[in-house]
Each structure stands twice: as C-alpha cells, then as structure tokens.
mmCIF file of all heavy atoms, coordinates in Angstrom:
data_MODEL
# 
_entry.id   MODEL 
# 
loop_
_atom_site.group_PDB 
_atom_site.id 
_atom_site.type_symbol 
_atom_site.label_atom_id 
_atom_site.label_alt_id 
_atom_site.label_comp_id 
_atom_site.label_asym_id 
_atom_site.label_entity_id 
_atom_site.label_seq_id 
_atom_site.pdbx_PDB_ins_code 
_atom_site.Cartn_x 
_atom_site.Cartn_y 
_atom_site.Cartn_z 
_atom_site.occupancy 
_atom_site.B_iso_or_equiv 
_atom_site.pdbx_formal_charge 
_atom_site.auth_seq_id 
_atom_site.auth_comp_id 
_atom_site.auth_asym_id 
_atom_site.auth_atom_id 
_atom_site.pdbx_PDB_model_num 
ATOM 1   N N   . LYS A 1 1  ? 61.627 40.089 25.389 1.00 0.00 ? 1  LYS A N   1 
ATOM 2   C CA  . LYS A 1 1  ? 61.917 41.060 26.353 1.00 0.00 ? 1  LYS A CA  1 
ATOM 3   C C   . LYS A 1 1  ? 60.675 42.040 26.711 1.00 0.00 ? 1  LYS A C   1 
ATOM 4   O O   . LYS A 1 1  ? 60.485 42.442 27.721 1.00 0.00 ? 1  LYS A O   1 
ATOM 5   C CB  . LYS A 1 1  ? 63.077 41.898 25.934 1.00 0.00 ? 1  LYS A CB  1 
ATOM 6   C CG  . LYS A 1 1  ? 64.384 41.224 25.979 1.00 0.00 ? 1  LYS A CG  1 
ATOM 7   C CD  . LYS A 1 1  ? 65.599 42.116 25.585 1.00 0.00 ? 1  LYS A CD  1 
ATOM 8   C CE  . LYS A 1 1  ? 66.941 41.369 25.792 1.00 0.00 ? 1  LYS A CE  1 
ATOM 9   N NZ  . LYS A 1 1  ? 68.062 42.209 25.356 1.00 0.00 ? 1  LYS A NZ  1 
ATOM 10  N N   . GLY A 1 2  ? 59.899 42.365 25.614 1.00 0.00 ? 2  GLY A N   1 
ATOM 11  C CA  . GLY A 1 2  ? 58.749 43.237 25.811 1.00 0.00 ? 2  GLY A CA  1 
ATOM 12  C C   . GLY A 1 2  ? 57.549 42.499 26.290 1.00 0.00 ? 2  GLY A C   1 
ATOM 13  O O   . GLY A 1 2  ? 56.544 43.163 26.494 1.00 0.00 ? 2  GLY A O   1 
ATOM 14  N N   . GLY A 1 3  ? 57.547 41.134 26.532 1.00 0.00 ? 3  GLY A N   1 
ATOM 15  C CA  . GLY A 1 3  ? 56.541 40.440 26.896 1.00 0.00 ? 3  GLY A CA  1 
ATOM 16  C C   . GLY A 1 3  ? 55.396 40.066 25.999 1.00 0.00 ? 3  GLY A C   1 
ATOM 17  O O   . GLY A 1 3  ? 54.321 39.521 26.277 1.00 0.00 ? 3  GLY A O   1 
ATOM 18  N N   . ARG A 1 4  ? 55.663 40.305 24.629 1.00 0.00 ? 4  ARG A N   1 
ATOM 19  C CA  . ARG A 1 4  ? 54.702 40.018 23.671 1.00 0.00 ? 4  ARG A CA  1 
ATOM 20  C C   . ARG A 1 4  ? 54.602 38.526 23.426 1.00 0.00 ? 4  ARG A C   1 
ATOM 21  O O   . ARG A 1 4  ? 53.476 38.099 22.922 1.00 0.00 ? 4  ARG A O   1 
ATOM 22  C CB  . ARG A 1 4  ? 55.069 40.739 22.338 1.00 0.00 ? 4  ARG A CB  1 
ATOM 23  C CG  . ARG A 1 4  ? 54.901 42.260 22.416 1.00 0.00 ? 4  ARG A CG  1 
ATOM 24  C CD  . ARG A 1 4  ? 55.410 43.092 21.379 1.00 0.00 ? 4  ARG A CD  1 
ATOM 25  N NE  . ARG A 1 4  ? 55.124 44.523 21.436 1.00 0.00 ? 4  ARG A NE  1 
ATOM 26  C CZ  . ARG A 1 4  ? 55.674 45.358 22.323 1.00 0.00 ? 4  ARG A CZ  1 
ATOM 27  N NH1 . ARG A 1 4  ? 56.705 44.822 23.134 1.00 0.00 ? 4  ARG A NH1 1 
ATOM 28  N NH2 . ARG A 1 4  ? 55.431 46.547 22.478 1.00 0.00 ? 4  ARG A NH2 1 
ATOM 29  N N   . ILE A 1 5  ? 55.691 37.826 23.655 1.00 0.00 ? 5  ILE A N   1 
ATOM 30  C CA  . ILE A 1 5  ? 55.680 36.413 23.541 1.00 0.00 ? 5  ILE A CA  1 
ATOM 31  C C   . ILE A 1 5  ? 56.476 35.781 24.671 1.00 0.00 ? 5  ILE A C   1 
ATOM 32  O O   . ILE A 1 5  ? 57.366 36.502 25.279 1.00 0.00 ? 5  ILE A O   1 
ATOM 33  C CB  . ILE A 1 5  ? 56.282 35.805 22.138 1.00 0.00 ? 5  ILE A CB  1 
ATOM 34  C CG1 . ILE A 1 5  ? 57.714 36.322 21.997 1.00 0.00 ? 5  ILE A CG1 1 
ATOM 35  C CG2 . ILE A 1 5  ? 55.413 36.354 20.968 1.00 0.00 ? 5  ILE A CG2 1 
ATOM 36  C CD1 . ILE A 1 5  ? 58.331 35.708 20.760 1.00 0.00 ? 5  ILE A CD1 1 
ATOM 37  N N   . SER A 1 6  ? 56.228 34.469 25.077 1.00 0.00 ? 6  SER A N   1 
ATOM 38  C CA  . SER A 1 6  ? 56.925 33.922 26.127 1.00 0.00 ? 6  SER A CA  1 
ATOM 39  C C   . SER A 1 6  ? 58.322 33.553 25.725 1.00 0.00 ? 6  SER A C   1 
ATOM 40  O O   . SER A 1 6  ? 58.643 33.390 24.571 1.00 0.00 ? 6  SER A O   1 
ATOM 41  C CB  . SER A 1 6  ? 56.211 32.714 26.641 1.00 0.00 ? 6  SER A CB  1 
ATOM 42  O OG  . SER A 1 6  ? 56.261 31.727 25.599 1.00 0.00 ? 6  SER A OG  1 
ATOM 43  N N   . LYS A 1 7  ? 59.076 33.272 26.773 1.00 0.00 ? 7  LYS A N   1 
ATOM 44  C CA  . LYS A 1 7  ? 60.455 32.790 26.462 1.00 0.00 ? 7  LYS A CA  1 
ATOM 45  C C   . LYS A 1 7  ? 60.481 31.494 25.695 1.00 0.00 ? 7  LYS A C   1 
ATOM 46  O O   . LYS A 1 7  ? 61.286 31.296 24.777 1.00 0.00 ? 7  LYS A O   1 
ATOM 47  C CB  . LYS A 1 7  ? 61.252 32.639 27.829 1.00 0.00 ? 7  LYS A CB  1 
ATOM 48  C CG  . LYS A 1 7  ? 61.579 34.016 28.545 1.00 0.00 ? 7  LYS A CG  1 
ATOM 49  C CD  . LYS A 1 7  ? 62.444 33.753 29.692 1.00 0.00 ? 7  LYS A CD  1 
ATOM 50  C CE  . LYS A 1 7  ? 62.838 35.085 30.331 1.00 0.00 ? 7  LYS A CE  1 
ATOM 51  N NZ  . LYS A 1 7  ? 63.624 34.818 31.582 1.00 0.00 ? 7  LYS A NZ  1 
ATOM 52  N N   . ALA A 1 8  ? 59.541 30.556 26.175 1.00 0.00 ? 8  ALA A N   1 
ATOM 53  C CA  . ALA A 1 8  ? 59.473 29.333 25.402 1.00 0.00 ? 8  ALA A CA  1 
ATOM 54  C C   . ALA A 1 8  ? 59.092 29.559 23.994 1.00 0.00 ? 8  ALA A C   1 
ATOM 55  O O   . ALA A 1 8  ? 59.635 28.927 23.020 1.00 0.00 ? 8  ALA A O   1 
ATOM 56  C CB  . ALA A 1 8  ? 58.345 28.403 26.085 1.00 0.00 ? 8  ALA A CB  1 
ATOM 57  N N   . SER A 1 9  ? 58.052 30.341 23.695 1.00 0.00 ? 9  SER A N   1 
ATOM 58  C CA  . SER A 1 9  ? 57.597 30.647 22.231 1.00 0.00 ? 9  SER A CA  1 
ATOM 59  C C   . SER A 1 9  ? 58.756 31.258 21.506 1.00 0.00 ? 9  SER A C   1 
ATOM 60  O O   . SER A 1 9  ? 58.932 30.989 20.268 1.00 0.00 ? 9  SER A O   1 
ATOM 61  C CB  . SER A 1 9  ? 56.387 31.527 22.185 1.00 0.00 ? 9  SER A CB  1 
ATOM 62  O OG  . SER A 1 9  ? 55.300 30.857 22.861 1.00 0.00 ? 9  SER A OG  1 
ATOM 63  N N   . GLY A 1 10 ? 59.480 32.203 22.239 1.00 0.00 ? 10 GLY A N   1 
ATOM 64  C CA  . GLY A 1 10 ? 60.709 32.797 21.524 1.00 0.00 ? 10 GLY A CA  1 
ATOM 65  C C   . GLY A 1 10 ? 61.675 31.890 21.161 1.00 0.00 ? 10 GLY A C   1 
ATOM 66  O O   . GLY A 1 10 ? 62.314 31.875 20.109 1.00 0.00 ? 10 GLY A O   1 
ATOM 67  N N   . TRP A 1 11 ? 62.017 30.824 22.122 1.00 0.00 ? 11 TRP A N   1 
ATOM 68  C CA  . TRP A 1 11 ? 62.968 29.795 21.796 1.00 0.00 ? 11 TRP A CA  1 
ATOM 69  C C   . TRP A 1 11 ? 62.621 28.931 20.626 1.00 0.00 ? 11 TRP A C   1 
ATOM 70  O O   . TRP A 1 11 ? 63.367 28.730 19.740 1.00 0.00 ? 11 TRP A O   1 
ATOM 71  C CB  . TRP A 1 11 ? 63.148 29.020 23.032 1.00 0.00 ? 11 TRP A CB  1 
ATOM 72  C CG  . TRP A 1 11 ? 64.284 28.006 22.821 1.00 0.00 ? 11 TRP A CG  1 
ATOM 73  C CD1 . TRP A 1 11 ? 65.594 28.258 23.050 1.00 0.00 ? 11 TRP A CD1 1 
ATOM 74  C CD2 . TRP A 1 11 ? 64.163 26.677 22.511 1.00 0.00 ? 11 TRP A CD2 1 
ATOM 75  N NE1 . TRP A 1 11 ? 66.352 27.090 22.745 1.00 0.00 ? 11 TRP A NE1 1 
ATOM 76  C CE2 . TRP A 1 11 ? 65.475 26.020 22.386 1.00 0.00 ? 11 TRP A CE2 1 
ATOM 77  C CE3 . TRP A 1 11 ? 63.065 25.814 22.096 1.00 0.00 ? 11 TRP A CE3 1 
ATOM 78  C CZ2 . TRP A 1 11 ? 65.780 24.758 22.076 1.00 0.00 ? 11 TRP A CZ2 1 
ATOM 79  C CZ3 . TRP A 1 11 ? 63.325 24.478 21.750 1.00 0.00 ? 11 TRP A CZ3 1 
ATOM 80  C CH2 . TRP A 1 11 ? 64.670 23.979 21.674 1.00 0.00 ? 11 TRP A CH2 1 
ATOM 81  N N   . PHE A 1 12 ? 61.316 28.539 20.674 1.00 0.00 ? 12 PHE A N   1 
ATOM 82  C CA  . PHE A 1 12 ? 60.839 27.678 19.548 1.00 0.00 ? 12 PHE A CA  1 
ATOM 83  C C   . PHE A 1 12 ? 60.763 28.363 18.246 1.00 0.00 ? 12 PHE A C   1 
ATOM 84  O O   . PHE A 1 12 ? 61.150 27.881 17.114 1.00 0.00 ? 12 PHE A O   1 
ATOM 85  C CB  . PHE A 1 12 ? 59.468 27.072 19.877 1.00 0.00 ? 12 PHE A CB  1 
ATOM 86  C CG  . PHE A 1 12 ? 59.530 25.939 20.765 1.00 0.00 ? 12 PHE A CG  1 
ATOM 87  C CD1 . PHE A 1 12 ? 59.042 25.958 22.104 1.00 0.00 ? 12 PHE A CD1 1 
ATOM 88  C CD2 . PHE A 1 12 ? 59.966 24.703 20.455 1.00 0.00 ? 12 PHE A CD2 1 
ATOM 89  C CE1 . PHE A 1 12 ? 59.096 24.930 22.966 1.00 0.00 ? 12 PHE A CE1 1 
ATOM 90  C CE2 . PHE A 1 12 ? 60.106 23.643 21.299 1.00 0.00 ? 12 PHE A CE2 1 
ATOM 91  C CZ  . PHE A 1 12 ? 59.594 23.613 22.529 1.00 0.00 ? 12 PHE A CZ  1 
ATOM 92  N N   . GLY A 1 13 ? 60.366 29.681 18.310 1.00 0.00 ? 13 GLY A N   1 
ATOM 93  C CA  . GLY A 1 13 ? 60.235 30.443 17.062 1.00 0.00 ? 13 GLY A CA  1 
ATOM 94  C C   . GLY A 1 13 ? 61.593 30.730 16.490 1.00 0.00 ? 13 GLY A C   1 
ATOM 95  O O   . GLY A 1 13 ? 61.751 30.647 15.276 1.00 0.00 ? 13 GLY A O   1 
ATOM 96  N N   . THR A 1 14 ? 62.613 30.867 17.311 1.00 0.00 ? 14 THR A N   1 
ATOM 97  C CA  . THR A 1 14 ? 64.042 31.065 16.895 1.00 0.00 ? 14 THR A CA  1 
ATOM 98  C C   . THR A 1 14 ? 64.542 29.817 16.261 1.00 0.00 ? 14 THR A C   1 
ATOM 99  O O   . THR A 1 14 ? 65.134 29.874 15.218 1.00 0.00 ? 14 THR A O   1 
ATOM 100 C CB  . THR A 1 14 ? 64.911 31.540 18.019 1.00 0.00 ? 14 THR A CB  1 
ATOM 101 O OG1 . THR A 1 14 ? 64.438 32.800 18.523 1.00 0.00 ? 14 THR A OG1 1 
ATOM 102 C CG2 . THR A 1 14 ? 66.334 31.687 17.413 1.00 0.00 ? 14 THR A CG2 1 
ATOM 103 N N   . VAL A 1 15 ? 64.259 28.769 16.850 1.00 0.00 ? 15 VAL A N   1 
ATOM 104 C CA  . VAL A 1 15 ? 64.778 27.386 16.268 1.00 0.00 ? 15 VAL A CA  1 
ATOM 105 C C   . VAL A 1 15 ? 64.072 27.083 14.995 1.00 0.00 ? 15 VAL A C   1 
ATOM 106 O O   . VAL A 1 15 ? 64.717 26.649 14.029 1.00 0.00 ? 15 VAL A O   1 
ATOM 107 C CB  . VAL A 1 15 ? 64.499 26.299 17.397 1.00 0.00 ? 15 VAL A CB  1 
ATOM 108 C CG1 . VAL A 1 15 ? 64.762 24.928 16.647 1.00 0.00 ? 15 VAL A CG1 1 
ATOM 109 C CG2 . VAL A 1 15 ? 65.404 26.541 18.611 1.00 0.00 ? 15 VAL A CG2 1 
ATOM 110 N N   . LEU A 1 16 ? 62.818 27.415 14.820 1.00 0.00 ? 16 LEU A N   1 
ATOM 111 C CA  . LEU A 1 16 ? 62.083 27.084 13.649 1.00 0.00 ? 16 LEU A CA  1 
ATOM 112 C C   . LEU A 1 16 ? 62.100 28.238 12.667 1.00 0.00 ? 16 LEU A C   1 
ATOM 113 O O   . LEU A 1 16 ? 61.569 28.201 11.572 1.00 0.00 ? 16 LEU A O   1 
ATOM 114 C CB  . LEU A 1 16 ? 60.624 26.875 14.029 1.00 0.00 ? 16 LEU A CB  1 
ATOM 115 C CG  . LEU A 1 16 ? 60.322 25.648 14.859 1.00 0.00 ? 16 LEU A CG  1 
ATOM 116 C CD1 . LEU A 1 16 ? 58.802 25.596 15.295 1.00 0.00 ? 16 LEU A CD1 1 
ATOM 117 C CD2 . LEU A 1 16 ? 60.689 24.387 14.145 1.00 0.00 ? 16 LEU A CD2 1 
ATOM 118 N N   . LYS A 1 17 ? 62.920 29.386 13.039 1.00 0.00 ? 17 LYS A N   1 
ATOM 119 C CA  . LYS A 1 17 ? 63.027 30.506 12.144 1.00 0.00 ? 17 LYS A CA  1 
ATOM 120 C C   . LYS A 1 17 ? 61.696 31.134 11.763 1.00 0.00 ? 17 LYS A C   1 
ATOM 121 O O   . LYS A 1 17 ? 61.467 31.488 10.610 1.00 0.00 ? 17 LYS A O   1 
ATOM 122 C CB  . LYS A 1 17 ? 63.797 30.057 10.891 1.00 0.00 ? 17 LYS A CB  1 
ATOM 123 C CG  . LYS A 1 17 ? 65.306 29.659 11.153 1.00 0.00 ? 17 LYS A CG  1 
ATOM 124 C CD  . LYS A 1 17 ? 66.045 29.258 9.874  1.00 0.00 ? 17 LYS A CD  1 
ATOM 125 C CE  . LYS A 1 17 ? 67.408 28.772 10.230 1.00 0.00 ? 17 LYS A CE  1 
ATOM 126 N NZ  . LYS A 1 17 ? 68.284 28.389 8.940  1.00 0.00 ? 17 LYS A NZ  1 
ATOM 127 N N   . ILE A 1 18 ? 60.873 31.292 12.708 1.00 0.00 ? 18 ILE A N   1 
ATOM 128 C CA  . ILE A 1 18 ? 59.569 31.928 12.538 1.00 0.00 ? 18 ILE A CA  1 
ATOM 129 C C   . ILE A 1 18 ? 59.792 33.392 12.544 1.00 0.00 ? 18 ILE A C   1 
ATOM 130 O O   . ILE A 1 18 ? 60.361 34.016 13.425 1.00 0.00 ? 18 ILE A O   1 
ATOM 131 C CB  . ILE A 1 18 ? 58.611 31.460 13.770 1.00 0.00 ? 18 ILE A CB  1 
ATOM 132 C CG1 . ILE A 1 18 ? 58.312 29.989 13.664 1.00 0.00 ? 18 ILE A CG1 1 
ATOM 133 C CG2 . ILE A 1 18 ? 57.276 32.334 13.554 1.00 0.00 ? 18 ILE A CG2 1 
ATOM 134 C CD1 . ILE A 1 18 ? 57.723 29.490 12.526 1.00 0.00 ? 18 ILE A CD1 1 
ATOM 135 N N   . CYS A 1 19 ? 59.176 34.053 11.495 1.00 0.00 ? 19 CYS A N   1 
ATOM 136 C CA  . CYS A 1 19 ? 59.138 35.528 11.395 1.00 0.00 ? 19 CYS A CA  1 
ATOM 137 C C   . CYS A 1 19 ? 57.768 36.036 11.471 1.00 0.00 ? 19 CYS A C   1 
ATOM 138 O O   . CYS A 1 19 ? 56.930 35.782 10.558 1.00 0.00 ? 19 CYS A O   1 
ATOM 139 C CB  . CYS A 1 19 ? 59.819 36.016 10.048 1.00 0.00 ? 19 CYS A CB  1 
ATOM 140 S SG  . CYS A 1 19 ? 61.451 35.303 9.751  1.00 0.00 ? 19 CYS A SG  1 
ATOM 141 N N   . PRO A 1 20 ? 57.314 36.678 12.464 1.00 0.00 ? 20 PRO A N   1 
ATOM 142 C CA  . PRO A 1 20 ? 56.015 37.271 12.675 1.00 0.00 ? 20 PRO A CA  1 
ATOM 143 C C   . PRO A 1 20 ? 55.725 38.349 11.538 1.00 0.00 ? 20 PRO A C   1 
ATOM 144 O O   . PRO A 1 20 ? 56.574 39.158 11.471 1.00 0.00 ? 20 PRO A O   1 
ATOM 145 C CB  . PRO A 1 20 ? 55.876 37.817 14.144 1.00 0.00 ? 20 PRO A CB  1 
ATOM 146 C CG  . PRO A 1 20 ? 57.243 38.000 14.491 1.00 0.00 ? 20 PRO A CG  1 
ATOM 147 C CD  . PRO A 1 20 ? 58.152 37.048 13.729 1.00 0.00 ? 20 PRO A CD  1 
ATOM 148 N N   . LEU A 1 21 ? 54.539 38.311 11.006 1.00 0.00 ? 21 LEU A N   1 
ATOM 149 C CA  . LEU A 1 21 ? 54.150 39.301 10.120 1.00 0.00 ? 21 LEU A CA  1 
ATOM 150 C C   . LEU A 1 21 ? 53.004 40.093 10.800 1.00 0.00 ? 21 LEU A C   1 
ATOM 151 O O   . LEU A 1 21 ? 51.966 39.585 11.116 1.00 0.00 ? 21 LEU A O   1 
ATOM 152 C CB  . LEU A 1 21 ? 53.704 38.720 8.730  1.00 0.00 ? 21 LEU A CB  1 
ATOM 153 C CG  . LEU A 1 21 ? 53.246 39.780 7.700  1.00 0.00 ? 21 LEU A CG  1 
ATOM 154 C CD1 . LEU A 1 21 ? 54.373 40.611 7.342  1.00 0.00 ? 21 LEU A CD1 1 
ATOM 155 C CD2 . LEU A 1 21 ? 52.842 38.985 6.375  1.00 0.00 ? 21 LEU A CD2 1 
ATOM 156 N N   . LEU A 1 22 ? 53.143 41.386 11.030 1.00 0.00 ? 22 LEU A N   1 
ATOM 157 C CA  . LEU A 1 22 ? 52.170 42.217 11.702 1.00 0.00 ? 22 LEU A CA  1 
ATOM 158 C C   . LEU A 1 22 ? 51.659 43.347 10.801 1.00 0.00 ? 22 LEU A C   1 
ATOM 159 O O   . LEU A 1 22 ? 52.285 43.712 9.814  1.00 0.00 ? 22 LEU A O   1 
ATOM 160 C CB  . LEU A 1 22 ? 52.828 42.807 12.976 1.00 0.00 ? 22 LEU A CB  1 
ATOM 161 C CG  . LEU A 1 22 ? 53.639 41.978 13.907 1.00 0.00 ? 22 LEU A CG  1 
ATOM 162 C CD1 . LEU A 1 22 ? 55.036 41.899 13.436 1.00 0.00 ? 22 LEU A CD1 1 
ATOM 163 C CD2 . LEU A 1 22 ? 53.549 42.555 15.375 1.00 0.00 ? 22 LEU A CD2 1 
ATOM 164 N N   . ASN A 1 23 ? 50.542 43.842 11.120 1.00 0.00 ? 23 ASN A N   1 
ATOM 165 C CA  . ASN A 1 23 ? 50.100 45.217 10.553 1.00 0.00 ? 23 ASN A CA  1 
ATOM 166 C C   . ASN A 1 23 ? 49.514 46.035 11.649 1.00 0.00 ? 23 ASN A C   1 
ATOM 167 O O   . ASN A 1 23 ? 49.419 45.609 12.791 1.00 0.00 ? 23 ASN A O   1 
ATOM 168 C CB  . ASN A 1 23 ? 49.134 44.993 9.420  1.00 0.00 ? 23 ASN A CB  1 
ATOM 169 C CG  . ASN A 1 23 ? 47.728 44.633 9.800  1.00 0.00 ? 23 ASN A CG  1 
ATOM 170 O OD1 . ASN A 1 23 ? 47.431 44.055 10.826 1.00 0.00 ? 23 ASN A OD1 1 
ATOM 171 N ND2 . ASN A 1 23 ? 46.855 45.055 9.000  1.00 0.00 ? 23 ASN A ND2 1 
ATOM 172 N N   . MET A 1 24 ? 49.121 47.304 11.288 1.00 0.00 ? 24 MET A N   1 
ATOM 173 C CA  . MET A 1 24 ? 48.533 48.205 12.157 1.00 0.00 ? 24 MET A CA  1 
ATOM 174 C C   . MET A 1 24 ? 46.967 48.256 11.950 1.00 0.00 ? 24 MET A C   1 
ATOM 175 O O   . MET A 1 24 ? 46.559 48.215 10.804 1.00 0.00 ? 24 MET A O   1 
ATOM 176 C CB  . MET A 1 24 ? 49.115 49.576 11.986 1.00 0.00 ? 24 MET A CB  1 
ATOM 177 C CG  . MET A 1 24 ? 48.689 50.571 12.942 1.00 0.00 ? 24 MET A CG  1 
ATOM 178 S SD  . MET A 1 24 ? 49.622 52.151 12.747 1.00 0.00 ? 24 MET A SD  1 
ATOM 179 C CE  . MET A 1 24 ? 51.126 51.618 13.672 1.00 0.00 ? 24 MET A CE  1 
ATOM 180 N N   . ASP A 1 25 ? 46.211 48.301 12.988 1.00 0.00 ? 25 ASP A N   1 
ATOM 181 C CA  . ASP A 1 25 ? 44.877 48.230 12.977 1.00 0.00 ? 25 ASP A CA  1 
ATOM 182 C C   . ASP A 1 25 ? 44.236 49.560 13.061 1.00 0.00 ? 25 ASP A C   1 
ATOM 183 O O   . ASP A 1 25 ? 44.989 50.560 12.863 1.00 0.00 ? 25 ASP A O   1 
ATOM 184 C CB  . ASP A 1 25 ? 44.186 47.355 14.105 1.00 0.00 ? 25 ASP A CB  1 
ATOM 185 C CG  . ASP A 1 25 ? 44.305 47.979 15.433 1.00 0.00 ? 25 ASP A CG  1 
ATOM 186 O OD1 . ASP A 1 25 ? 44.847 49.123 15.589 1.00 0.00 ? 25 ASP A OD1 1 
ATOM 187 O OD2 . ASP A 1 25 ? 43.855 47.417 16.381 1.00 0.00 ? 25 ASP A OD2 1 
# 
C-alpha cells in the first residue's frame, strides 16, 4: 500500500512467507 514493493512482489512474498529484515541508516 505504501509503494515500497509492487503488488506482484507482495503476492509472491506472501505466498513464500518472506519477512523483510530492515534497519535504520
């Protein structure tokens, strides 16, 4: 929704149970 990833990437990420790990620069 925030445009950080595409809908397609979001769908594949959800199916594959991808959890992004981020930090602060």
